[in-house]
Amino acid sequence: MPPPRCPRLPSSLPPWPRLLPTLGSCSRRAVTSSAASSSSPAGCHGNGGRPLRYAVLGAGFAGLSVAWHLLKHSPKNSRVTVDVYDENGVGGGASGVSGGLLHPYSPKVKLLWRGAEFWKECMDLLRSAEQANGATGSDGTSEDEALIWRRGILRPPTTEKAADILLESQSCLQSCSLQVLDSDAAQHLIPGLCVPLKFAVYMPLALNINPKKYLQALFLACQNMADEASTSPSEEREFNMYHKRIDNLQQLSGDYDSVIICLGANASSLPELANKLPLRTCRGVIAEFQLPSDTVEKYGSQSPSILSDAWLAFQGPRTVSVGSTWQWKSDNHASTVSDEEAATAMEELLPKASAVYPGISKWDYIRARAGIRAMPPLTANGSLPLLGCLNDVIGTRSNCAFWLVGGLGARGLLYHGLVGKLTAKAAISGDENMIPSEFTCWKTIKASK
């Protein structure tokens, strides 16, 4: 069966949905002049001048990447509307509470499948977000509130087996290189670091991202792109955000050319997708610590974050996040963490963190945050996101094409740039073949119950 083509909507559409009052500033629309071109965009969207309308469900990493690429790659001289729906707002789900450590390597420090592409596309979005944020670095705010911390990541192995595996790894990207450091060099970078096996792998170009602030900046980049494109007399780009829960896909099918579902672990809550996605849920808790203000010593401004059995993501001289736990098959989607859950997480995370950075005992626990990962099945190429058109999966004959970006798991930050680009281009062209088959073969896997 050939991949589904992007269908044409009926010529009559319901009125434009009203932007919610609390988000009035999020609308980005510039009306084209009377001299605008009346020609239809290329491909399957011969719409006689009617705007191409896309709905994106979810305002996390995947959703905002899709929105950005829809705005960027839609045909020139076309009218495009991208509406993002998320009842919790920008970064209100698992993306906004993620750890933020960013590199293209597996736990064995081997380059991931398509790691170079994932890294490049992620860097492109980060640059756009930084530009929208008004800077190329910390934007003049305090170090603890930066958008990106360019301090690298250090991985000291804690077992002989892990050490052997790390030393076997040879391939790396020039744009995110690997260095093997002896214990003296590693401890020079991080005073007080414990190096059990006398060496550590250093990724000097790896990053630590402030996920919430990054998502807010990427949202602003989408707004700016819509504004800038709409200055052309023959183009219109509209970008809207709705704090609204979508309970089923039929709510939107009559209003849009395509609906792209980027809901993470919540995708399976849509009745049309219940028991149809091979995803497992996994709740992760992250603990936040601060160094007491009366402590003279502080974490070095150039000292990297630490990746071990637990990771320590340092956001400044006195702030660190430690993660993460893995609670499989959890149905707890709350970002808040109870005292009992926090205590259990601390019992698990602190010994692991102390094994490589004993100084964590001097830091005060402040709070915990949590999110639900949507974990994809393991393939020969690793655990890959689930992409593709859903019309055959859900058995709909709607005039709207439904697409999925799901199962980004614990690597949503790394994956989101490329998967958003691939899906946006496929939705624009109406051709699922634009997505590599490794991302769509999940359709042959039995769904997780």
Protein backbone atom coordinates (compact mmCIF):
# COMPACT_ATOMS: atom_id res chain seq x y z
CA MET A 1 0.00 0.00 0.00
CA PRO A 2 1.50 3.35 -0.94
CA PRO A 3 2.07 5.86 1.85
CA PRO A 4 -0.86 8.18 2.49
CA ARG A 5 -0.99 11.44 0.61
CA CYS A 6 -1.91 14.69 2.25
CA PRO A 7 -5.63 15.11 1.57
CA ARG A 8 -7.45 18.28 0.61
CA LEU A 9 -9.83 19.83 3.06
CA PRO A 10 -13.32 20.95 2.12
CA SER A 11 -13.39 24.46 0.74
CA SER A 12 -15.57 25.73 3.59
CA LEU A 13 -13.92 25.89 6.98
CA PRO A 14 -15.31 26.82 10.37
CA PRO A 15 -14.34 30.24 11.72
CA TRP A 16 -10.78 30.73 12.88
CA PRO A 17 -10.50 29.43 16.44
CA ARG A 18 -10.41 32.25 18.97
CA LEU A 19 -7.06 32.69 20.66
CA LEU A 20 -7.40 32.20 24.38
CA PRO A 21 -7.32 35.52 26.26
CA THR A 22 -4.30 34.55 28.35
CA LEU A 23 -2.28 33.92 25.21
CA GLY A 24 -3.26 36.87 23.09
CA SER A 25 0.36 37.88 22.66
CA CYS A 26 1.16 34.51 21.09
CA SER A 27 -0.72 35.09 17.84
CA ARG A 28 1.49 35.82 14.86
CA ARG A 29 -0.45 36.78 11.79
CA ALA A 30 0.30 39.26 9.04
CA VAL A 31 -2.35 39.64 6.37
CA THR A 32 -1.08 39.49 2.83
CA SER A 33 -1.61 42.46 0.58
CA SER A 34 -4.09 42.52 -2.27
CA ALA A 35 -1.15 42.08 -4.59
CA ALA A 36 -0.29 38.70 -3.10
CA SER A 37 0.14 35.82 -5.46
CA SER A 38 -2.98 33.75 -5.97
CA SER A 39 -1.10 30.68 -7.12
CA SER A 40 -1.41 27.55 -5.02
CA PRO A 41 1.57 25.99 -3.26
CA ALA A 42 3.28 23.10 -4.93
CA GLY A 43 2.49 19.48 -4.17
CA CYS A 44 -0.79 18.18 -2.79
CA HIS A 45 -1.89 21.53 -1.35
CA GLY A 46 -3.66 23.05 -4.30
CA ASN A 47 -6.02 25.05 -2.14
CA GLY A 48 -6.89 28.08 -4.21
CA GLY A 49 -5.29 30.47 -1.75
CA ARG A 50 -6.80 28.99 1.41
CA PRO A 51 -4.18 28.85 4.18
CA LEU A 52 -2.55 25.49 4.82
CA ARG A 53 -3.50 24.66 8.38
CA TYR A 54 -1.48 22.47 10.73
CA ALA A 55 -2.26 21.51 14.32
CA VAL A 56 0.58 20.40 16.57
CA LEU A 57 -0.43 18.64 19.78
CA GLY A 58 2.18 19.24 22.46
CA ALA A 59 4.51 22.13 23.24
CA GLY A 60 7.55 20.15 24.32
CA PHE A 61 10.74 19.34 22.42
CA ALA A 62 9.01 17.42 19.62
CA GLY A 63 6.04 19.73 19.20
CA LEU A 64 7.98 22.98 18.99
CA SER A 65 10.54 21.42 16.65
CA VAL A 66 7.74 20.34 14.31
CA ALA A 67 6.17 23.80 14.50
CA TRP A 68 9.49 25.51 13.74
CA HIS A 69 10.15 23.28 10.73
CA LEU A 70 6.59 23.63 9.39
CA LEU A 71 7.06 27.39 9.38
CA LYS A 72 10.54 27.14 7.87
CA HIS A 73 9.96 24.55 5.14
CA SER A 74 6.45 25.37 3.91
CA PRO A 75 6.45 26.43 0.24
CA LYS A 76 7.36 29.98 -0.61
CA ASN A 77 4.49 32.23 -1.62
CA SER A 78 2.08 30.20 0.50
CA ARG A 79 -0.21 30.99 3.42
CA VAL A 80 0.40 28.78 6.43
CA THR A 81 -1.13 28.55 9.90
CA VAL A 82 0.46 26.47 12.65
CA ASP A 83 -1.61 26.05 15.83
CA VAL A 84 0.01 24.44 18.88
CA TYR A 85 -2.24 22.88 21.53
CA ASP A 86 -1.00 22.10 25.04
CA GLU A 87 -3.12 22.44 28.15
CA ASN A 88 0.03 22.87 30.26
CA GLY A 89 1.67 25.48 28.06
CA VAL A 90 5.22 25.62 26.70
CA GLY A 91 7.43 23.04 28.39
CA GLY A 92 4.69 22.03 30.80
CA GLY A 93 5.28 18.30 30.32
CA ALA A 94 8.24 15.94 30.58
CA SER A 95 10.43 18.03 28.23
CA GLY A 96 10.37 20.99 30.58
CA VAL A 97 11.61 18.99 33.56
CA SER A 98 14.30 16.97 31.76
CA GLY A 99 17.91 16.95 32.86
CA GLY A 100 19.30 18.93 29.93
CA LEU A 101 22.59 17.09 29.34
CA LEU A 102 23.20 16.95 25.60
CA HIS A 103 25.62 14.77 23.62
CA PRO A 104 25.29 12.23 20.75
CA TYR A 105 26.69 9.16 22.52
CA SER A 106 25.31 5.99 24.09
CA PRO A 107 26.04 5.03 27.73
CA LYS A 108 29.01 3.13 26.29
CA VAL A 109 30.16 6.41 24.71
CA LYS A 110 29.60 5.09 21.21
CA LEU A 111 28.18 7.40 18.57
CA LEU A 112 24.45 6.79 18.25
CA TRP A 113 22.86 5.74 14.97
CA ARG A 114 22.56 8.91 12.86
CA GLY A 115 24.24 10.66 15.75
CA ALA A 116 25.85 13.27 13.49
CA GLU A 117 22.47 14.24 12.01
CA PHE A 118 20.76 14.33 15.39
CA TRP A 119 23.52 16.54 16.76
CA LYS A 120 23.56 18.92 13.79
CA GLU A 121 19.80 19.46 13.70
CA CYS A 122 19.69 19.98 17.45
CA MET A 123 22.48 22.56 17.21
CA ASP A 124 20.53 24.39 14.49
CA LEU A 125 17.49 24.71 16.75
CA LEU A 126 19.62 25.77 19.70
CA ARG A 127 21.15 28.56 17.61
CA SER A 128 17.71 29.74 16.55
CA ALA A 129 16.54 29.71 20.16
CA GLU A 130 19.62 31.64 21.28
CA GLN A 131 19.10 34.24 18.58
CA ALA A 132 15.48 34.62 19.61
CA ASN A 133 16.60 34.92 23.20
CA GLY A 134 18.77 37.86 22.23
CA ALA A 135 22.20 36.34 22.81
CA THR A 136 24.70 33.67 21.88
CA GLY A 137 25.27 32.60 25.45
CA SER A 138 23.88 33.33 28.87
CA ASP A 139 22.05 36.48 27.69
CA GLY A 140 23.37 38.55 30.55
CA THR A 141 21.39 36.79 33.26
CA SER A 142 22.96 35.09 36.25
CA GLU A 143 24.89 31.93 35.52
CA ASP A 144 22.24 29.85 37.26
CA GLU A 145 19.61 31.14 34.80
CA ALA A 146 21.52 30.70 31.53
CA LEU A 147 19.94 29.11 28.46
CA ILE A 148 22.99 26.96 27.69
CA TRP A 149 26.00 26.05 29.82
CA ARG A 150 28.98 25.21 27.58
CA ARG A 151 31.06 23.35 30.13
CA GLY A 152 31.32 19.85 28.68
CA ILE A 153 30.54 16.53 30.33
CA LEU A 154 32.92 14.14 32.09
CA ARG A 155 32.22 10.40 32.36
CA PRO A 156 34.34 8.47 34.88
CA PRO A 157 33.64 4.71 34.73
CA THR A 158 32.86 3.01 38.03
CA THR A 159 33.36 -0.65 37.04
CA GLU A 160 36.09 -2.56 35.18
CA LYS A 161 33.58 -3.68 32.55
CA ALA A 162 32.45 -0.12 31.92
CA ALA A 163 36.08 0.98 31.71
CA ASP A 164 36.88 -1.65 29.08
CA ILE A 165 33.87 -0.63 27.00
CA LEU A 166 34.73 3.06 27.18
CA LEU A 167 38.31 2.44 26.09
CA GLU A 168 37.09 0.44 23.07
CA SER A 169 35.03 3.35 21.77
CA GLN A 170 36.87 5.03 18.93
CA SER A 171 34.35 6.89 16.76
CA CYS A 172 33.38 10.42 17.67
CA LEU A 173 32.23 13.63 16.05
CA GLN A 174 34.63 16.49 15.53
CA SER A 175 31.83 18.78 16.66
CA CYS A 176 31.50 16.78 19.90
CA SER A 177 34.88 15.18 20.41
CA LEU A 178 35.99 12.66 23.02
CA GLN A 179 39.14 12.83 25.14
CA VAL A 180 40.49 10.23 27.54
CA LEU A 181 41.87 11.89 30.67
CA ASP A 182 43.94 10.36 33.44
CA SER A 183 42.83 10.87 37.01
CA ASP A 184 45.05 13.93 37.55
CA ALA A 185 43.64 15.72 34.49
CA ALA A 186 40.08 14.77 35.42
CA GLN A 187 40.50 16.03 38.99
CA HIS A 188 42.05 19.23 37.69
CA LEU A 189 38.79 19.84 35.82
CA ILE A 190 36.66 18.87 38.82
CA PRO A 191 38.43 19.19 42.17
CA GLY A 192 37.19 16.52 44.53
CA LEU A 193 36.13 14.15 41.74
CA CYS A 194 36.49 10.45 42.53
CA VAL A 195 38.07 8.52 39.64
CA PRO A 196 37.81 4.83 40.64
CA LEU A 197 39.40 3.41 37.48
CA LYS A 198 42.05 6.13 37.10
CA PHE A 199 40.64 7.64 33.90
CA ALA A 200 37.58 9.42 32.56
CA VAL A 201 36.13 10.24 29.15
CA TYR A 202 35.71 13.95 28.55
CA MET A 203 33.30 15.53 26.06
CA PRO A 204 34.46 19.17 26.03
CA LEU A 205 31.82 20.31 23.51
CA ALA A 206 28.84 18.58 25.15
CA LEU A 207 26.22 20.92 26.54
CA ASN A 208 23.91 21.42 29.47
CA ILE A 209 20.60 23.01 28.48
CA ASN A 210 18.05 24.79 30.63
CA PRO A 211 15.07 22.90 29.14
CA LYS A 212 12.28 25.25 30.22
CA LYS A 213 14.13 28.37 29.14
CA TYR A 214 15.19 26.74 25.86
CA LEU A 215 11.61 25.79 25.00
CA GLN A 216 10.42 29.31 25.74
CA ALA A 217 13.14 30.66 23.44
CA LEU A 218 12.28 28.16 20.69
CA PHE A 219 8.64 29.21 20.97
CA LEU A 220 9.76 32.81 20.52
CA ALA A 221 11.83 31.74 17.50
CA CYS A 222 8.65 30.32 15.94
CA GLN A 223 6.85 33.59 16.57
CA ASN A 224 9.70 35.57 15.03
CA MET A 225 9.85 33.33 11.98
CA ALA A 226 6.13 33.79 11.38
CA ASP A 227 6.50 37.56 11.67
CA GLU A 228 9.52 37.74 9.38
CA ALA A 229 8.03 35.50 6.68
CA SER A 230 4.82 37.50 6.69
CA THR A 231 6.64 40.67 5.67
CA SER A 232 6.64 39.27 2.13
CA PRO A 233 3.63 40.52 0.11
CA SER A 234 2.97 37.00 -1.16
CA GLU A 235 3.32 35.05 2.08
CA GLU A 236 1.48 34.71 5.34
CA ARG A 237 2.65 32.77 8.37
CA GLU A 238 0.45 32.53 11.43
CA PHE A 239 1.59 30.87 14.64
CA ASN A 240 -0.80 30.39 17.57
CA MET A 241 -0.68 28.72 20.97
CA TYR A 242 -3.77 27.34 22.71
CA HIS A 243 -3.88 26.23 26.35
CA LYS A 244 -6.40 23.57 25.53
CA ARG A 245 -6.68 19.83 26.05
CA ILE A 246 -7.54 17.75 22.99
CA ASP A 247 -9.54 14.70 24.05
CA ASN A 248 -9.85 13.08 20.63
CA LEU A 249 -8.59 13.67 17.12
CA GLN A 250 -12.04 14.22 15.66
CA GLN A 251 -12.11 17.57 17.47
CA LEU A 252 -9.61 18.83 14.90
CA SER A 253 -10.03 16.70 11.79
CA GLY A 254 -12.39 19.09 10.03
CA ASP A 255 -10.25 22.16 10.64
CA TYR A 256 -6.76 21.15 9.53
CA ASP A 257 -4.81 19.70 6.63
CA SER A 258 -2.60 17.79 9.05
CA VAL A 259 -2.49 17.11 12.77
CA ILE A 260 0.90 16.18 14.23
CA ILE A 261 0.73 14.38 17.58
CA CYS A 262 3.69 15.17 19.85
CA LEU A 263 2.20 14.29 23.22
CA GLY A 264 4.89 11.98 24.58
CA ALA A 265 3.47 9.47 27.03
CA ASN A 266 0.05 11.11 26.70
CA ALA A 267 -0.32 10.09 23.06
CA SER A 268 -1.83 6.75 24.08
CA SER A 269 -4.53 8.58 26.04
CA LEU A 270 -6.17 9.61 22.77
CA PRO A 271 -8.96 7.08 22.13
CA GLU A 272 -7.89 6.68 18.50
CA LEU A 273 -4.41 5.55 19.63
CA ALA A 274 -5.30 3.49 22.71
CA ASN A 275 -3.39 0.17 22.65
CA LYS A 276 -1.95 0.96 19.21
CA LEU A 277 1.49 2.35 20.07
CA PRO A 278 4.43 0.13 21.17
CA LEU A 279 5.43 2.50 23.97
CA ARG A 280 6.25 1.89 27.62
CA THR A 281 5.97 4.58 30.25
CA CYS A 282 8.79 5.29 32.67
CA ARG A 283 8.65 7.96 35.37
CA GLY A 284 11.86 9.75 36.24
CA VAL A 285 12.56 11.85 39.31
CA ILE A 286 15.30 14.50 39.38
CA ALA A 287 16.57 16.04 42.62
CA GLU A 288 17.73 19.66 42.80
CA PHE A 289 20.47 20.80 45.19
CA GLN A 290 22.06 24.10 46.14
CA LEU A 291 25.33 24.87 47.87
CA PRO A 292 24.65 26.80 51.09
CA SER A 293 25.40 30.50 50.78
CA ASP A 294 27.80 30.41 53.74
CA THR A 295 29.97 27.78 52.02
CA VAL A 296 33.18 29.36 50.78
CA GLU A 297 33.99 26.81 48.11
CA LYS A 298 31.83 26.58 45.01
CA TYR A 299 31.70 24.53 41.85
CA GLY A 300 34.15 25.77 39.22
CA SER A 301 32.72 28.00 36.49
CA GLN A 302 34.45 25.88 33.83
CA SER A 303 34.05 22.50 35.52
CA PRO A 304 31.97 20.06 33.45
CA SER A 305 28.85 18.20 34.43
CA ILE A 306 29.27 14.56 35.43
CA LEU A 307 27.77 11.49 33.78
CA SER A 308 27.94 8.23 35.72
CA ASP A 309 25.45 5.78 37.26
CA ALA A 310 23.72 9.00 38.23
CA TRP A 311 24.28 12.26 36.38
CA LEU A 312 25.02 15.64 37.90
CA ALA A 313 24.04 18.60 35.72
CA PHE A 314 25.62 21.75 37.17
CA GLN A 315 23.77 24.95 36.26
CA GLY A 316 26.09 27.33 38.07
CA PRO A 317 28.52 27.55 40.98
CA ARG A 318 25.83 26.66 43.52
CA THR A 319 23.08 24.79 41.64
CA VAL A 320 22.97 21.18 40.46
CA SER A 321 20.34 18.67 39.33
CA VAL A 322 20.92 14.97 40.03
CA GLY A 323 19.10 12.24 38.17
CA SER A 324 17.41 10.17 37.34
CA THR A 325 15.24 7.36 38.62
CA TRP A 326 13.47 4.86 36.35
CA GLN A 327 10.01 3.75 37.45
CA TRP A 328 8.68 1.56 34.67
CA LYS A 329 4.98 1.29 33.82
CA SER A 330 4.16 4.27 36.00
CA ASP A 331 0.87 6.04 35.32
CA ASN A 332 1.79 9.03 37.50
CA HIS A 333 2.05 11.96 35.08
CA ALA A 334 2.37 14.67 37.74
CA SER A 335 5.40 16.94 37.59
CA THR A 336 5.15 17.45 41.33
CA VAL A 337 6.82 14.94 43.64
CA SER A 338 5.49 13.81 47.00
CA ASP A 339 7.74 13.78 50.06
CA GLU A 340 7.69 9.99 50.04
CA GLU A 341 8.63 9.74 46.37
CA ALA A 342 11.38 12.33 46.84
CA ALA A 343 12.83 10.43 49.79
CA THR A 344 12.87 7.20 47.80
CA ALA A 345 14.58 8.95 44.90
CA MET A 346 17.21 10.45 47.22
CA GLU A 347 17.98 7.01 48.64
CA GLU A 348 18.69 5.81 45.11
CA LEU A 349 20.45 8.82 43.62
CA LEU A 350 22.68 10.14 46.40
CA PRO A 351 24.88 7.02 46.77
CA LYS A 352 25.43 6.96 43.01
CA ALA A 353 26.27 10.65 42.89
CA SER A 354 28.54 10.41 45.93
CA ALA A 355 30.51 7.58 44.33
CA VAL A 356 31.96 10.03 41.80
CA TYR A 357 31.46 13.37 43.53
CA PRO A 358 31.61 12.95 47.33
CA GLY A 359 31.27 16.70 47.75
CA ILE A 360 27.55 16.44 46.97
CA SER A 361 27.08 15.73 50.69
CA LYS A 362 27.75 19.44 51.34
CA TRP A 363 24.88 20.52 49.09
CA ASP A 364 21.35 21.05 50.42
CA TYR A 365 18.38 19.28 48.87
CA ILE A 366 15.91 21.90 47.60
CA ARG A 367 13.18 20.11 45.67
CA ALA A 368 12.42 17.32 43.20
CA ARG A 369 10.71 17.33 39.84
CA ALA A 370 9.47 14.48 37.68
CA GLY A 371 8.17 13.53 34.27
CA ILE A 372 6.99 10.52 32.30
CA ARG A 373 9.17 9.22 29.49
CA ALA A 374 7.57 7.50 26.50
CA MET A 375 10.05 4.69 25.83
CA PRO A 376 10.14 3.12 22.35
CA PRO A 377 11.01 -0.50 21.56
CA LEU A 378 14.64 -1.51 21.09
CA THR A 379 15.71 -2.03 17.47
CA ALA A 380 18.94 -3.05 15.77
CA ASN A 381 19.78 0.66 15.61
CA GLY A 382 18.92 1.42 19.21
CA SER A 383 15.77 2.82 20.77
CA LEU A 384 14.43 5.08 18.03
CA PRO A 385 11.52 7.53 18.00
CA LEU A 386 8.23 6.53 16.40
CA LEU A 387 7.37 8.62 13.34
CA GLY A 388 4.94 8.38 10.45
CA CYS A 389 1.41 8.84 9.20
CA LEU A 390 -1.31 7.39 11.42
CA ASN A 391 -4.33 7.29 9.11
CA ASP A 392 -3.94 3.58 8.42
CA VAL A 393 -3.11 2.86 12.06
CA ILE A 394 -6.26 4.51 13.39
CA GLY A 395 -8.38 3.46 10.41
CA THR A 396 -9.68 6.91 9.62
CA ARG A 397 -10.99 8.14 6.29
CA SER A 398 -10.78 11.74 7.38
CA ASN A 399 -9.74 14.48 4.97
CA CYS A 400 -7.07 15.31 7.54
CA ALA A 401 -3.71 13.53 7.70
CA PHE A 402 -2.58 12.50 11.18
CA TRP A 403 1.13 12.17 11.99
CA LEU A 404 3.04 10.93 15.03
CA VAL A 405 6.26 12.06 16.65
CA GLY A 406 6.56 9.86 19.72
CA GLY A 407 8.78 7.63 21.79
CA LEU A 408 11.69 10.05 22.15
CA GLY A 409 12.41 8.41 25.50
CA ALA A 410 15.29 9.83 27.51
CA ARG A 411 16.89 11.47 24.45
CA GLY A 412 14.17 13.92 23.51
CA LEU A 413 16.54 16.87 23.52
CA LEU A 414 18.99 15.19 21.13
CA TYR A 415 16.32 13.69 18.87
CA HIS A 416 13.85 16.54 18.57
CA GLY A 417 15.56 18.57 15.85
CA LEU A 418 15.85 15.82 13.25
CA VAL A 419 12.54 14.09 13.95
CA GLY A 420 10.73 17.43 13.81
CA LYS A 421 12.35 18.26 10.48
CA LEU A 422 11.59 14.87 8.93
CA THR A 423 7.97 14.92 10.08
CA ALA A 424 7.32 18.51 9.03
CA LYS A 425 8.68 17.86 5.54
CA ALA A 426 6.61 14.67 5.26
CA ALA A 427 3.45 16.48 6.38
CA ILE A 428 4.05 19.36 3.96
CA SER A 429 4.58 17.01 1.02
CA GLY A 430 2.04 14.42 2.14
CA ASP A 431 4.67 11.73 1.58
CA GLU A 432 5.62 9.35 4.39
CA ASN A 433 8.51 8.07 2.28
CA MET A 434 10.42 11.21 3.24
CA ILE A 435 10.87 9.60 6.66
CA PRO A 436 13.54 6.84 6.83
CA SER A 437 11.94 3.43 7.28
CA GLU A 438 13.82 2.85 10.55
CA PHE A 439 11.50 5.42 12.15
CA THR A 440 8.28 3.98 10.70
CA CYS A 441 8.85 0.22 11.09
CA TRP A 442 7.23 0.38 14.55
CA LYS A 443 3.89 -0.14 12.82
CA THR A 444 4.72 -3.85 12.53
CA ILE A 445 5.33 -4.16 16.29
CA LYS A 446 2.54 -5.19 18.62
CA ALA A 447 1.46 -2.33 20.84
CA SER A 448 2.24 -2.32 24.55
CA LYS A 449 -0.78 -2.98 26.72
